[in-house]
Amino acid sequence: MLTALPYLAAVATTALILITLTWCTYRPQHAGGGEGALTVWQLIEEAEAERRQRERTGRHRLREPAPPGPEPGPSLEVQHRIHQLLQGL
């Protein structure tokens, strides 16, 4: 039994080394985003650009055209003249 002790210690040491080298070496990772995928920093930059565009004000900001209102008619003075001319007929 005492003669087998050094061999047992060598086998146990080798097994311990192999276990520590292979323990948790497999860490699953994603395969990558592929072509055209955005990184986190690119997504943050896009979000910041959208925020800046929403907050931009002043004369340089594009505005929606005003909805068309009713067509302005002739002034009151012109209406009176037309009325007087029509009465004279």
Protein backbone atom coordinates (compact mmCIF):
# COMPACT_ATOMS: atom_id res chain seq x y z
CA MET A 1 0.00 0.00 0.00
CA LEU A 2 2.78 2.42 0.79
CA THR A 3 4.45 1.67 -2.50
CA ALA A 4 1.27 2.63 -4.41
CA LEU A 5 0.90 5.95 -2.57
CA PRO A 6 3.25 7.99 -4.85
CA TYR A 7 1.45 6.67 -7.95
CA LEU A 8 -1.91 7.49 -6.41
CA ALA A 9 -0.68 10.99 -5.57
CA ALA A 10 0.58 11.46 -9.14
CA VAL A 11 -2.71 10.29 -10.62
CA ALA A 12 -4.71 12.50 -8.24
CA THR A 13 -2.50 15.50 -9.05
CA THR A 14 -2.84 14.92 -12.79
CA ALA A 15 -6.61 14.56 -12.47
CA LEU A 16 -6.78 17.75 -10.40
CA ILE A 17 -4.77 19.66 -13.01
CA LEU A 18 -6.95 18.39 -15.83
CA ILE A 19 -10.13 19.28 -13.97
CA THR A 20 -8.93 22.82 -13.20
CA LEU A 21 -7.87 23.38 -16.81
CA THR A 22 -11.16 22.21 -18.27
CA TRP A 23 -13.50 23.56 -15.61
CA CYS A 24 -15.88 26.19 -17.05
CA THR A 25 -13.87 26.79 -20.18
CA TYR A 26 -17.03 26.58 -22.24
CA ARG A 27 -18.73 29.94 -22.06
CA PRO A 28 -21.51 30.31 -24.59
CA GLN A 29 -21.26 33.43 -26.73
CA HIS A 30 -23.41 34.79 -29.45
CA ALA A 31 -22.24 34.19 -32.99
CA GLY A 32 -21.97 37.90 -33.77
CA GLY A 33 -24.32 40.35 -35.34
CA GLY A 34 -23.41 39.65 -38.91
CA GLU A 35 -23.09 42.15 -41.70
CA GLY A 36 -24.99 45.39 -41.15
CA ALA A 37 -25.56 44.82 -37.43
CA LEU A 38 -25.32 47.88 -35.20
CA THR A 39 -23.18 48.10 -32.10
CA VAL A 40 -24.43 49.50 -28.82
CA TRP A 41 -22.50 52.74 -29.42
CA GLN A 42 -24.08 53.16 -32.86
CA LEU A 43 -27.55 52.66 -31.38
CA ILE A 44 -26.84 55.23 -28.65
CA GLU A 45 -25.60 57.73 -31.27
CA GLU A 46 -28.76 57.23 -33.36
CA ALA A 47 -30.98 57.77 -30.31
CA GLU A 48 -29.06 60.94 -29.39
CA ALA A 49 -29.36 62.25 -32.94
CA GLU A 50 -33.13 61.67 -32.90
CA ARG A 51 -33.40 63.42 -29.52
CA ARG A 52 -31.40 66.41 -30.80
CA GLN A 53 -33.60 66.61 -33.89
CA ARG A 54 -36.77 66.64 -31.77
CA GLU A 55 -35.41 69.35 -29.47
CA ARG A 56 -34.11 71.57 -32.28
CA THR A 57 -36.02 74.83 -32.49
CA GLY A 58 -35.53 78.17 -34.14
CA ARG A 59 -35.64 79.46 -37.67
CA HIS A 60 -33.68 76.53 -39.09
CA ARG A 61 -36.24 73.95 -38.10
CA LEU A 62 -38.53 72.77 -40.85
CA ARG A 63 -42.11 73.58 -40.16
CA GLU A 64 -45.29 72.12 -41.49
CA PRO A 65 -47.13 74.49 -43.82
CA ALA A 66 -50.08 76.26 -42.27
CA PRO A 67 -53.41 74.73 -43.16
CA PRO A 68 -55.17 76.72 -45.88
CA GLY A 69 -57.69 79.11 -44.42
CA PRO A 70 -60.75 80.56 -46.06
CA GLU A 71 -60.01 82.81 -49.02
CA PRO A 72 -60.20 86.43 -47.94
CA GLY A 73 -63.01 88.24 -49.69
CA PRO A 74 -63.00 91.84 -50.87
CA SER A 75 -62.74 94.53 -48.26
CA LEU A 76 -65.85 96.11 -46.79
CA GLU A 77 -65.32 99.32 -48.77
CA VAL A 78 -65.18 97.36 -52.06
CA GLN A 79 -68.33 95.48 -51.09
CA HIS A 80 -70.18 98.80 -50.49
CA ARG A 81 -69.08 100.13 -53.89
CA ILE A 82 -70.23 96.95 -55.62
CA HIS A 83 -73.55 97.16 -53.78
CA GLN A 84 -74.03 100.80 -54.83
CA LEU A 85 -73.18 99.98 -58.44
CA LEU A 86 -75.63 97.08 -58.48
CA GLN A 87 -78.37 99.27 -57.03
CA GLY A 88 -77.79 101.80 -59.80
CA LEU A 89 -78.55 99.24 -62.48
